[in-house]
Amino acid sequence: MTTPYYVGPEQVMKDRADYARKGIARGRSVIVMQVDCGILFVAENPSRALHKVSEIYDRIGFAAVGKYNEFELLRVAGIRLADLRGYAYDRRDVAGRALANAYAQTLGSVFTTEQKPYEVEIIVAEVGDESSLDQIYRLTYDGSVADEQGFAAMGGSADAISARLVEGWRAGLTLKEGLALAVKSLEGGDRIITGEMLEVAVLDRARLSRRKFYRLFNSALDALLAK
């Protein structure tokens, strides 16, 4: 009789974490950053059909890296949860913190109970009436949540990009300055990134519409990228 093969729980968790991290690192990077008008999303994404950045609710945006089908499931679930809460109570009761907590529970449950963890990292960002009320939550594959201050980068060479952002970011950057810093951080000095290679969106606190999210593309994006 052969001895059953046994793998300790610590090794199982380590293997799952390594698997998820490798999958996420293969993806192109995303930067989320506070600017003077609100929150800027910049993703290296040449596709115009498969979005990494999206609106969740009036003041809340979503960004993700990793496997598209997995983070798309999370995005849709977040929209449904926000719509349900806004309909049942009040639109002002839909908060980024509550969405981040819901995502954390889902990711943590999948990581600990399913055979394969989600190969995703996501950011939930909410723009406030003033910059001090802006919120950026970064969630990893195992459900861990970090309340980021100023900016966050994920996917690809996120550590190197974050180091470049630390050097260049300051409170009160204009939208044009923030976009230039994000592109420079993505390029890393050895590449050239054009508007066709980017997906860019903004949560603009000054926008008159109840919905603060809008995308930048074509001539509007080119004008901001111009030196």
C-alpha atoms as a PDB file:
ATOM      1  CA  MET A   1       0.000   0.000   0.000  1.00  0.00           C
ATOM      2  CA  THR A   2       1.467   3.341  -1.016  1.00  0.00           C
ATOM      3  CA  THR A   3       1.592   6.295   1.336  1.00  0.00           C
ATOM      4  CA  PRO A   4      -0.908   9.020   0.372  1.00  0.00           C
ATOM      5  CA  TYR A   5       0.722  12.121  -1.040  1.00  0.00           C
ATOM      6  CA  TYR A   6       0.437  14.997   1.438  1.00  0.00           C
ATOM      7  CA  VAL A   7       1.046  18.701   0.965  1.00  0.00           C
ATOM      8  CA  GLY A   8       0.870  20.945   4.001  1.00  0.00           C
ATOM      9  CA  PRO A   9      -1.558  23.894   4.026  1.00  0.00           C
ATOM     10  CA  GLU A  10       1.291  26.420   4.195  1.00  0.00           C
ATOM     11  CA  GLN A  11       2.807  24.997   1.006  1.00  0.00           C
ATOM     12  CA  VAL A  12      -0.602  24.972  -0.706  1.00  0.00           C
ATOM     13  CA  MET A  13      -1.127  28.660   0.086  1.00  0.00           C
ATOM     14  CA  LYS A  14       2.405  29.507  -1.059  1.00  0.00           C
ATOM     15  CA  ASP A  15       1.920  27.668  -4.343  1.00  0.00           C
ATOM     16  CA  ARG A  16      -1.384  29.434  -4.974  1.00  0.00           C
ATOM     17  CA  ALA A  17       0.166  32.820  -4.221  1.00  0.00           C
ATOM     18  CA  ASP A  18       3.118  32.168  -6.531  1.00  0.00           C
ATOM     19  CA  TYR A  19       0.766  31.020  -9.283  1.00  0.00           C
ATOM     20  CA  ALA A  20      -1.389  34.151  -8.987  1.00  0.00           C
ATOM     21  CA  ARG A  21       1.581  36.540  -8.821  1.00  0.00           C
ATOM     22  CA  LYS A  22       3.148  35.076 -11.952  1.00  0.00           C
ATOM     23  CA  GLY A  23      -0.097  35.428 -13.882  1.00  0.00           C
ATOM     24  CA  ILE A  24      -0.545  39.048 -12.792  1.00  0.00           C
ATOM     25  CA  ALA A  25       3.070  39.975 -13.589  1.00  0.00           C
ATOM     26  CA  ARG A  26       2.573  38.892 -17.205  1.00  0.00           C
ATOM     27  CA  GLY A  27      -0.036  41.606 -17.728  1.00  0.00           C
ATOM     28  CA  ARG A  28       0.556  45.214 -18.767  1.00  0.00           C
ATOM     29  CA  SER A  29       0.565  47.773 -15.986  1.00  0.00           C
ATOM     30  CA  VAL A  30      -2.131  50.136 -14.703  1.00  0.00           C
ATOM     31  CA  ILE A  31      -1.618  53.369 -12.758  1.00  0.00           C
ATOM     32  CA  VAL A  32      -4.268  55.112 -10.662  1.00  0.00           C
ATOM     33  CA  MET A  33      -3.309  58.571  -9.422  1.00  0.00           C
ATOM     34  CA  GLN A  34      -4.758  61.568  -7.629  1.00  0.00           C
ATOM     35  CA  VAL A  35      -4.643  64.801  -9.646  1.00  0.00           C
ATOM     36  CA  ASP A  36      -6.068  68.228  -8.917  1.00  0.00           C
ATOM     37  CA  CYS A  37      -9.415  67.565 -10.621  1.00  0.00           C
ATOM     38  CA  GLY A  38      -9.945  64.066  -9.225  1.00  0.00           C
ATOM     39  CA  ILE A  39      -8.544  60.599  -9.943  1.00  0.00           C
ATOM     40  CA  LEU A  40      -6.696  59.605 -13.128  1.00  0.00           C
ATOM     41  CA  PHE A  41      -6.610  56.056 -14.540  1.00  0.00           C
ATOM     42  CA  VAL A  42      -3.876  55.158 -17.039  1.00  0.00           C
ATOM     43  CA  ALA A  43      -3.623  51.609 -18.401  1.00  0.00           C
ATOM     44  CA  GLU A  44      -1.238  50.284 -21.015  1.00  0.00           C
ATOM     45  CA  ASN A  45      -3.893  48.716 -23.211  1.00  0.00           C
ATOM     46  CA  PRO A  46      -3.993  48.976 -27.023  1.00  0.00           C
ATOM     47  CA  SER A  47      -7.407  47.284 -27.208  1.00  0.00           C
ATOM     48  CA  ARG A  48     -10.456  49.524 -27.654  1.00  0.00           C
ATOM     49  CA  ALA A  49     -12.890  46.708 -26.919  1.00  0.00           C
ATOM     50  CA  LEU A  50     -11.478  44.955 -23.832  1.00  0.00           C
ATOM     51  CA  HIS A  51     -11.263  47.573 -21.085  1.00  0.00           C
ATOM     52  CA  LYS A  52      -9.067  47.448 -17.995  1.00  0.00           C
ATOM     53  CA  VAL A  53     -10.653  50.619 -16.606  1.00  0.00           C
ATOM     54  CA  SER A  54     -14.365  51.110 -16.091  1.00  0.00           C
ATOM     55  CA  GLU A  55     -17.077  53.002 -14.246  1.00  0.00           C
ATOM     56  CA  ILE A  56     -18.768  51.193 -11.366  1.00  0.00           C
ATOM     57  CA  TYR A  57     -21.121  53.900 -10.106  1.00  0.00           C
ATOM     58  CA  ASP A  58     -21.543  57.684  -9.971  1.00  0.00           C
ATOM     59  CA  ARG A  59     -18.251  58.506  -8.222  1.00  0.00           C
ATOM     60  CA  ILE A  60     -16.574  55.109  -8.293  1.00  0.00           C
ATOM     61  CA  GLY A  61     -14.143  53.695 -10.845  1.00  0.00           C
ATOM     62  CA  PHE A  62     -12.566  50.270 -11.296  1.00  0.00           C
ATOM     63  CA  ALA A  63      -9.191  49.219 -12.705  1.00  0.00           C
ATOM     64  CA  ALA A  64      -7.743  45.726 -13.037  1.00  0.00           C
ATOM     65  CA  VAL A  65      -4.827  43.657 -14.313  1.00  0.00           C
ATOM     66  CA  GLY A  66      -4.546  39.940 -14.888  1.00  0.00           C
ATOM     67  CA  LYS A  67      -6.941  37.535 -16.587  1.00  0.00           C
ATOM     68  CA  TYR A  68      -9.646  39.475 -18.389  1.00  0.00           C
ATOM     69  CA  ASN A  69     -12.443  36.947 -17.900  1.00  0.00           C
ATOM     70  CA  GLU A  70     -11.830  36.864 -14.139  1.00  0.00           C
ATOM     71  CA  PHE A  71     -11.701  40.589 -13.490  1.00  0.00           C
ATOM     72  CA  GLU A  72     -14.639  41.144 -15.845  1.00  0.00           C
ATOM     73  CA  LEU A  73     -16.720  38.884 -13.581  1.00  0.00           C
ATOM     74  CA  LEU A  74     -15.685  41.009 -10.619  1.00  0.00           C
ATOM     75  CA  ARG A  75     -16.453  44.259 -12.451  1.00  0.00           C
ATOM     76  CA  VAL A  76     -19.972  43.149 -13.396  1.00  0.00           C
ATOM     77  CA  ALA A  77     -20.640  41.878  -9.862  1.00  0.00           C
ATOM     78  CA  GLY A  78     -19.550  45.238  -8.461  1.00  0.00           C
ATOM     79  CA  ILE A  79     -21.892  47.139 -10.787  1.00  0.00           C
ATOM     80  CA  ARG A  80     -24.818  44.918  -9.785  1.00  0.00           C
ATOM     81  CA  LEU A  81     -24.064  45.331  -6.096  1.00  0.00           C
ATOM     82  CA  ALA A  82     -23.793  49.115  -6.427  1.00  0.00           C
ATOM     83  CA  ASP A  83     -26.995  49.362  -8.466  1.00  0.00           C
ATOM     84  CA  LEU A  84     -28.893  47.229  -5.949  1.00  0.00           C
ATOM     85  CA  ARG A  85     -27.730  49.293  -2.963  1.00  0.00           C
ATOM     86  CA  GLY A  86     -28.449  52.573  -4.747  1.00  0.00           C
ATOM     87  CA  TYR A  87     -31.933  51.405  -5.719  1.00  0.00           C
ATOM     88  CA  ALA A  88     -32.833  49.932  -2.331  1.00  0.00           C
ATOM     89  CA  TYR A  89     -31.486  52.828  -0.252  1.00  0.00           C
ATOM     90  CA  ASP A  90     -29.989  55.974  -1.770  1.00  0.00           C
ATOM     91  CA  ARG A  91     -27.346  56.668  -4.405  1.00  0.00           C
ATOM     92  CA  ARG A  92     -25.239  58.396  -1.739  1.00  0.00           C
ATOM     93  CA  ASP A  93     -25.132  55.126   0.224  1.00  0.00           C
ATOM     94  CA  VAL A  94     -23.003  53.497  -2.495  1.00  0.00           C
ATOM     95  CA  ALA A  95     -19.433  53.819  -1.207  1.00  0.00           C
ATOM     96  CA  GLY A  96     -16.075  52.658  -2.519  1.00  0.00           C
ATOM     97  CA  ARG A  97     -15.142  51.196   0.864  1.00  0.00           C
ATOM     98  CA  ALA A  98     -18.166  48.879   0.876  1.00  0.00           C
ATOM     99  CA  LEU A  99     -17.368  47.701  -2.661  1.00  0.00           C
ATOM    100  CA  ALA A 100     -13.730  47.110  -1.721  1.00  0.00           C
ATOM    101  CA  ASN A 101     -14.833  45.022   1.270  1.00  0.00           C
ATOM    102  CA  ALA A 102     -17.173  42.956  -0.921  1.00  0.00           C
ATOM    103  CA  TYR A 103     -14.399  42.333  -3.450  1.00  0.00           C
ATOM    104  CA  ALA A 104     -12.000  41.397  -0.630  1.00  0.00           C
ATOM    105  CA  GLN A 105     -14.418  38.761   0.662  1.00  0.00           C
ATOM    106  CA  THR A 106     -14.884  37.284  -2.810  1.00  0.00           C
ATOM    107  CA  LEU A 107     -11.170  37.183  -3.623  1.00  0.00           C
ATOM    108  CA  GLY A 108     -10.285  35.783  -0.196  1.00  0.00           C
ATOM    109  CA  SER A 109     -12.918  33.058  -0.479  1.00  0.00           C
ATOM    110  CA  VAL A 110     -11.745  32.016  -3.948  1.00  0.00           C
ATOM    111  CA  PHE A 111      -8.102  32.007  -2.839  1.00  0.00           C
ATOM    112  CA  THR A 112      -8.691  29.750   0.177  1.00  0.00           C
ATOM    113  CA  THR A 113     -11.405  27.395  -1.063  1.00  0.00           C
ATOM    114  CA  GLU A 114     -11.083  27.040  -4.833  1.00  0.00           C
ATOM    115  CA  GLN A 115      -8.478  24.944  -6.608  1.00  0.00           C
ATOM    116  CA  LYS A 116      -7.209  27.900  -8.631  1.00  0.00           C
ATOM    117  CA  PRO A 117      -7.041  31.491  -7.312  1.00  0.00           C
ATOM    118  CA  TYR A 118      -8.033  34.473  -9.419  1.00  0.00           C
ATOM    119  CA  GLU A 119      -5.039  35.870 -11.293  1.00  0.00           C
ATOM    120  CA  VAL A 120      -6.098  39.471 -10.788  1.00  0.00           C
ATOM    121  CA  GLU A 121      -5.360  42.642  -8.896  1.00  0.00           C
ATOM    122  CA  ILE A 122      -7.943  45.395  -8.822  1.00  0.00           C
ATOM    123  CA  ILE A 123      -8.307  48.979  -7.678  1.00  0.00           C
ATOM    124  CA  VAL A 124     -11.531  50.585  -6.509  1.00  0.00           C
ATOM    125  CA  ALA A 125     -11.305  54.392  -6.501  1.00  0.00           C
ATOM    126  CA  GLU A 126     -13.864  56.925  -5.303  1.00  0.00           C
ATOM    127  CA  VAL A 127     -13.611  60.656  -5.939  1.00  0.00           C
ATOM    128  CA  GLY A 128     -14.727  62.982  -3.153  1.00  0.00           C
ATOM    129  CA  ASP A 129     -15.949  66.563  -3.107  1.00  0.00           C
ATOM    130  CA  GLU A 130     -12.378  67.574  -2.251  1.00  0.00           C
ATOM    131  CA  SER A 131      -9.024  65.852  -2.674  1.00  0.00           C
ATOM    132  CA  SER A 132      -8.744  64.881   0.996  1.00  0.00           C
ATOM    133  CA  LEU A 133     -11.854  62.725   0.571  1.00  0.00           C
ATOM    134  CA  ASP A 134     -10.558  60.761  -2.445  1.00  0.00           C
ATOM    135  CA  GLN A 135     -10.119  57.042  -1.813  1.00  0.00           C
ATOM    136  CA  ILE A 136      -7.970  54.485  -3.643  1.00  0.00           C
ATOM    137  CA  TYR A 137      -8.228  50.846  -2.525  1.00  0.00           C
ATOM    138  CA  ARG A 138      -5.921  48.209  -3.993  1.00  0.00           C
ATOM    139  CA  LEU A 139      -6.976  44.567  -3.675  1.00  0.00           C
ATOM    140  CA  THR A 140      -4.699  41.617  -4.346  1.00  0.00           C
ATOM    141  CA  TYR A 141      -5.485  38.066  -5.458  1.00  0.00           C
ATOM    142  CA  ASP A 142      -5.885  36.803  -1.859  1.00  0.00           C
ATOM    143  CA  GLY A 143      -8.336  39.476  -0.764  1.00  0.00           C
ATOM    144  CA  SER A 144      -5.839  41.746   0.988  1.00  0.00           C
ATOM    145  CA  VAL A 145      -6.826  45.431   0.897  1.00  0.00           C
ATOM    146  CA  ALA A 146      -4.495  48.432   0.945  1.00  0.00           C
ATOM    147  CA  ASP A 147      -5.674  52.020   1.326  1.00  0.00           C
ATOM    148  CA  GLU A 148      -3.284  53.761  -1.066  1.00  0.00           C
ATOM    149  CA  GLN A 149      -2.313  57.401  -0.701  1.00  0.00           C
ATOM    150  CA  GLY A 150      -1.767  59.509  -3.803  1.00  0.00           C
ATOM    151  CA  PHE A 151      -1.240  56.756  -6.351  1.00  0.00           C
ATOM    152  CA  ALA A 152      -1.030  53.024  -6.959  1.00  0.00           C
ATOM    153  CA  ALA A 153       0.491  50.832  -9.670  1.00  0.00           C
ATOM    154  CA  MET A 154      -0.161  47.175 -10.401  1.00  0.00           C
ATOM    155  CA  GLY A 155       0.677  44.538 -12.988  1.00  0.00           C
ATOM    156  CA  GLY A 156       3.851  44.110 -15.037  1.00  0.00           C
ATOM    157  CA  SER A 157       6.830  45.811 -13.373  1.00  0.00           C
ATOM    158  CA  ALA A 158       4.682  47.478 -10.713  1.00  0.00           C
ATOM    159  CA  ASP A 159       7.514  47.872  -8.183  1.00  0.00           C
ATOM    160  CA  ALA A 160       9.740  49.763 -10.626  1.00  0.00           C
ATOM    161  CA  ILE A 161       6.819  51.906 -11.776  1.00  0.00           C
ATOM    162  CA  SER A 162       5.895  52.728  -8.169  1.00  0.00           C
ATOM    163  CA  ALA A 163       9.475  53.793  -7.484  1.00  0.00           C
ATOM    164  CA  ARG A 164       9.328  56.226 -10.407  1.00  0.00           C
ATOM    165  CA  LEU A 165       5.966  57.544  -9.215  1.00  0.00           C
ATOM    166  CA  VAL A 166       7.379  58.164  -5.729  1.00  0.00           C
ATOM    167  CA  GLU A 167      10.042  60.399  -7.284  1.00  0.00           C
ATOM    168  CA  GLY A 168       7.635  62.409  -9.448  1.00  0.00           C
ATOM    169  CA  TRP A 169       4.262  62.540  -7.741  1.00  0.00           C
ATOM    170  CA  ARG A 170       3.127  65.458  -5.598  1.00  0.00           C
ATOM    171  CA  ALA A 171      -0.230  66.687  -4.391  1.00  0.00           C
ATOM    172  CA  GLY A 172      -1.971  69.054  -6.780  1.00  0.00           C
ATOM    173  CA  LEU A 173      -0.638  67.729 -10.086  1.00  0.00           C
ATOM    174  CA  THR A 174      -2.713  68.917 -13.017  1.00  0.00           C
ATOM    175  CA  LEU A 175      -4.331  66.371 -15.297  1.00  0.00           C
ATOM    176  CA  LYS A 176      -1.710  67.024 -17.973  1.00  0.00           C
ATOM    177  CA  GLU A 177       1.161  66.718 -15.472  1.00  0.00           C
ATOM    178  CA  GLY A 178      -0.277  63.540 -13.985  1.00  0.00           C
ATOM    179  CA  LEU A 179      -0.712  61.927 -17.397  1.00  0.00           C
ATOM    180  CA  ALA A 180       2.857  62.863 -18.370  1.00  0.00           C
ATOM    181  CA  LEU A 181       4.188  61.332 -15.133  1.00  0.00           C
ATOM    182  CA  ALA A 182       2.160  58.150 -15.642  1.00  0.00           C
ATOM    183  CA  VAL A 183       3.424  57.720 -19.218  1.00  0.00           C
ATOM    184  CA  LYS A 184       7.022  58.406 -18.160  1.00  0.00           C
ATOM    185  CA  SER A 185       6.697  55.848 -15.348  1.00  0.00           C
ATOM    186  CA  LEU A 186       5.285  53.221 -17.726  1.00  0.00           C
ATOM    187  CA  GLU A 187       8.009  53.846 -20.305  1.00  0.00           C
ATOM    188  CA  GLY A 188      10.824  53.495 -17.790  1.00  0.00           C
ATOM    189  CA  GLY A 189      13.221  55.369 -20.062  1.00  0.00           C
ATOM    190  CA  ASP A 190      13.626  52.582 -22.631  1.00  0.00           C
ATOM    191  CA  ARG A 191      10.284  52.654 -24.509  1.00  0.00           C
ATOM    192  CA  ILE A 192       8.007  55.146 -26.206  1.00  0.00           C
ATOM    193  CA  ILE A 193       4.294  54.936 -25.393  1.00  0.00           C
ATOM    194  CA  THR A 194       1.788  56.727 -27.607  1.00  0.00           C
ATOM    195  CA  GLY A 195      -1.884  57.506 -27.142  1.00  0.00           C
ATOM    196  CA  GLU A 196      -2.894  54.477 -29.226  1.00  0.00           C
ATOM    197  CA  MET A 197      -1.272  52.249 -26.616  1.00  0.00           C
ATOM    198  CA  LEU A 198      -3.155  53.732 -23.660  1.00  0.00           C
ATOM    199  CA  GLU A 199      -6.551  53.508 -22.026  1.00  0.00           C
ATOM    200  CA  VAL A 200      -7.143  56.697 -20.024  1.00  0.00           C
ATOM    201  CA  ALA A 201     -10.090  57.757 -17.875  1.00  0.00           C
ATOM    202  CA  VAL A 202     -10.838  60.314 -15.161  1.00  0.00           C
ATOM    203  CA  LEU A 203     -13.120  60.622 -12.159  1.00  0.00           C
ATOM    204  CA  ASP A 204     -13.611  64.401 -12.301  1.00  0.00           C
ATOM    205  CA  ARG A 205     -15.053  65.920  -9.120  1.00  0.00           C
ATOM    206  CA  ALA A 206     -15.955  69.163 -10.938  1.00  0.00           C
ATOM    207  CA  ARG A 207     -18.018  67.481 -13.652  1.00  0.00           C
ATOM    208  CA  LEU A 208     -21.597  68.768 -13.571  1.00  0.00           C
ATOM    209  CA  SER A 209     -23.064  65.345 -14.305  1.00  0.00           C
ATOM    210  CA  ARG A 210     -23.928  63.040 -11.419  1.00  0.00           C
ATOM    211  CA  ARG A 211     -21.638  60.529 -13.096  1.00  0.00           C
ATOM    212  CA  LYS A 212     -18.040  61.698 -12.665  1.00  0.00           C
ATOM    213  CA  PHE A 213     -16.346  59.069 -14.865  1.00  0.00           C
ATOM    214  CA  TYR A 214     -15.334  59.781 -18.455  1.00  0.00           C
ATOM    215  CA  ARG A 215     -12.782  58.446 -20.917  1.00  0.00           C
ATOM    216  CA  LEU A 216     -10.075  60.368 -22.767  1.00  0.00           C
ATOM    217  CA  PHE A 217      -9.234  59.363 -26.321  1.00  0.00           C
ATOM    218  CA  ASN A 218      -8.464  60.675 -29.809  1.00  0.00           C
ATOM    219  CA  SER A 219      -7.846  64.426 -29.990  1.00  0.00           C
ATOM    220  CA  ALA A 220      -8.496  65.093 -26.289  1.00  0.00           C
ATOM    221  CA  LEU A 221      -5.896  62.535 -25.253  1.00  0.00           C
ATOM    222  CA  ASP A 222      -3.411  63.668 -27.912  1.00  0.00           C
ATOM    223  CA  ALA A 223      -3.694  67.263 -26.672  1.00  0.00           C
ATOM    224  CA  LEU A 224      -2.860  66.227 -23.116  1.00  0.00           C
ATOM    225  CA  LEU A 225       0.054  64.084 -24.272  1.00  0.00           C
ATOM    226  CA  ALA A 226       1.532  66.895 -26.387  1.00  0.00           C
ATOM    227  CA  LYS A 227       4.690  68.371 -24.885  1.00  0.00           C
END
